[in-house]
């Protein structure tokens, strides 16, 4: 697998425009301005990672994935990411509103690296994403 991408470090798969914008702002505040690709659904994200002519030869350090998405569920996206040789080593963090035990268990069974419930409070949400970015994008060491 190729080395880490120089033009982007994170992929966010989030259908809620408000949550996507808030996540993007928190990541940018962490120094990732212009280094995040946001997709409103998993089909577009998987097309980018696997099919599109501009599919990256280098991969993000982390994928932030919502669970409840249109077209394809977050669990199906996770299944495909972790089941493919090109993407199975990319850390995936489920960032979702669901606190359902079955969603948590299935996410870990499919290979998610972390499962975080989105806080309702704006400031707390922002802090969670900043902490997540600090860990997965600055502190965690990957070799893809």
Protein backbone atom coordinates (compact mmCIF):
# COMPACT_ATOMS: atom_id res chain seq x y z
CA UNK A 1 0.00 0.00 0.00
CA UNK A 2 1.21 3.51 -0.75
CA UNK A 3 2.42 6.02 1.79
CA UNK A 4 0.11 8.53 3.44
CA UNK A 5 -1.54 11.16 1.32
CA UNK A 6 0.08 14.54 1.23
CA UNK A 7 -3.00 16.39 -0.04
CA UNK A 8 -5.50 15.01 2.48
CA UNK A 9 -5.37 13.30 5.84
CA UNK A 10 -8.97 12.48 6.68
CA UNK A 11 -12.16 11.38 4.96
CA UNK A 12 -15.47 12.29 6.57
CA UNK A 13 -18.60 10.39 5.49
CA UNK A 14 -21.54 12.34 6.92
CA UNK A 15 -24.96 13.10 5.41
CA UNK A 16 -26.04 15.79 7.88
CA UNK A 17 -24.73 19.10 6.48
CA UNK A 18 -24.61 20.72 9.95
CA UNK A 19 -22.61 17.84 11.46
CA UNK A 20 -20.34 17.73 8.41
CA UNK A 21 -19.65 21.46 8.66
CA UNK A 22 -19.02 21.28 12.40
CA UNK A 23 -16.68 18.32 11.95
CA UNK A 24 -14.84 20.11 9.17
CA UNK A 25 -14.44 23.28 11.26
CA UNK A 26 -13.10 21.31 14.22
CA UNK A 27 -10.61 19.48 11.98
CA UNK A 28 -9.54 22.73 10.34
CA UNK A 29 -9.02 24.33 13.74
CA UNK A 30 -6.68 21.42 14.40
CA UNK A 31 -4.54 22.49 11.44
CA UNK A 32 -6.11 20.35 8.72
CA UNK A 33 -7.49 23.12 6.52
CA UNK A 34 -7.77 21.73 3.01
CA UNK A 35 -6.71 18.25 4.11
CA UNK A 36 -10.16 16.76 4.62
CA UNK A 37 -12.48 15.25 2.01
CA UNK A 38 -16.16 15.17 2.95
CA UNK A 39 -18.70 12.86 1.31
CA UNK A 40 -22.48 12.95 1.95
CA UNK A 41 -22.84 9.20 1.48
CA UNK A 42 -20.82 6.02 1.35
CA UNK A 43 -21.37 5.40 -2.34
CA UNK A 44 -19.49 8.59 -3.24
CA UNK A 45 -16.76 7.84 -0.70
CA UNK A 46 -16.25 4.27 -1.91
CA UNK A 47 -16.28 5.45 -5.52
CA UNK A 48 -13.51 7.87 -4.61
CA UNK A 49 -11.46 5.27 -2.76
CA UNK A 50 -11.94 2.37 -5.18
CA UNK A 51 -13.42 3.25 -8.57
CA UNK A 52 -12.95 6.86 -9.66
CA UNK A 53 -10.17 7.68 -12.11
CA UNK A 54 -8.75 9.99 -9.44
CA UNK A 55 -8.90 7.26 -6.76
CA UNK A 56 -6.04 7.95 -4.40
CA UNK A 57 -2.86 5.97 -4.59
CA UNK A 58 -2.23 7.22 -1.10
CA UNK A 59 -4.73 6.95 1.71
CA UNK A 60 -6.06 9.05 4.58
CA UNK A 61 -4.82 8.55 8.12
CA UNK A 62 -8.41 8.11 9.32
CA UNK A 63 -11.97 7.80 8.05
CA UNK A 64 -14.74 9.32 10.17
CA UNK A 65 -17.92 7.43 9.39
CA UNK A 66 -21.53 8.11 10.31
CA UNK A 67 -23.73 5.06 10.88
CA UNK A 68 -27.09 6.14 9.48
CA UNK A 69 -26.51 7.23 5.88
CA UNK A 70 -28.55 7.32 2.67
CA UNK A 71 -27.86 4.81 -0.12
CA UNK A 72 -25.65 2.57 2.02
CA UNK A 73 -25.41 2.15 5.79
CA UNK A 74 -22.27 2.95 7.71
CA UNK A 75 -22.01 -0.72 8.64
CA UNK A 76 -21.98 -1.76 4.97
CA UNK A 77 -19.34 0.89 4.20
CA UNK A 78 -17.27 -0.39 7.13
CA UNK A 79 -17.68 -3.98 5.91
CA UNK A 80 -16.39 -3.01 2.46
CA UNK A 81 -13.51 -0.91 3.77
CA UNK A 82 -12.27 -3.59 6.16
CA UNK A 83 -12.87 -6.34 3.62
CA UNK A 84 -10.72 -4.83 0.88
CA UNK A 85 -6.96 -5.25 0.73
CA UNK A 86 -6.40 -1.59 -0.28
CA UNK A 87 -8.28 -0.08 2.65
CA UNK A 88 -8.44 -2.61 5.49
CA UNK A 89 -5.59 -0.98 7.46
CA UNK A 90 -7.00 2.56 7.38
CA UNK A 91 -8.34 3.41 10.85
CA UNK A 92 -12.10 3.96 10.82
CA UNK A 93 -13.85 5.87 13.59
CA UNK A 94 -17.63 5.56 13.82
CA UNK A 95 -18.93 9.02 14.72
CA UNK A 96 -22.67 8.63 15.12
CA UNK A 97 -25.73 9.52 17.16
CA UNK A 98 -26.59 5.86 17.73
CA UNK A 99 -26.05 4.47 21.21
CA UNK A 100 -27.67 1.14 20.32
CA UNK A 101 -25.68 -1.76 21.75
CA UNK A 102 -26.28 -3.77 18.56
CA UNK A 103 -24.74 -0.99 16.42
CA UNK A 104 -21.72 -0.76 18.71
CA UNK A 105 -21.17 -4.53 18.76
CA UNK A 106 -21.60 -4.92 15.01
CA UNK A 107 -19.22 -2.02 14.32
CA UNK A 108 -16.49 -3.62 16.42
CA UNK A 109 -17.21 -7.05 14.93
CA UNK A 110 -16.64 -5.53 11.48
CA UNK A 111 -13.35 -3.96 12.53
CA UNK A 112 -14.06 -0.36 13.52
CA UNK A 113 -11.13 1.16 15.39
CA UNK A 114 -13.21 3.42 17.61
CA UNK A 115 -16.89 4.15 18.23
CA UNK A 116 -17.90 7.62 19.41
CA UNK A 117 -21.39 8.93 20.09
CA UNK A 118 -21.92 12.47 18.80
CA UNK A 119 -22.55 14.86 21.67
CA UNK A 120 -25.66 17.01 21.32
CA UNK A 121 -23.95 20.08 22.79
CA UNK A 122 -22.11 22.17 20.17
CA UNK A 123 -19.01 22.87 22.27
CA UNK A 124 -18.74 19.27 23.42
CA UNK A 125 -19.12 18.00 19.82
CA UNK A 126 -16.37 20.37 18.72
CA UNK A 127 -14.10 19.16 21.54
CA UNK A 128 -14.72 15.49 20.75
CA UNK A 129 -13.75 16.00 17.10
CA UNK A 130 -10.68 18.03 18.05
CA UNK A 131 -9.57 15.31 20.48
CA UNK A 132 -10.23 12.66 17.85
CA UNK A 133 -8.15 14.57 15.32
CA UNK A 134 -5.32 15.08 17.77
CA UNK A 135 -5.16 11.36 18.50
CA UNK A 136 -5.75 9.79 15.08
CA UNK A 137 -4.03 12.42 12.94
CA UNK A 138 -1.18 13.61 15.11
CA UNK A 139 -0.39 11.07 17.82
CA UNK A 140 -1.31 7.71 16.28
CA UNK A 141 1.38 6.14 14.10
CA UNK A 142 0.28 4.36 10.95
CA UNK A 143 2.08 2.52 8.24
CA UNK A 144 -0.10 1.96 5.21
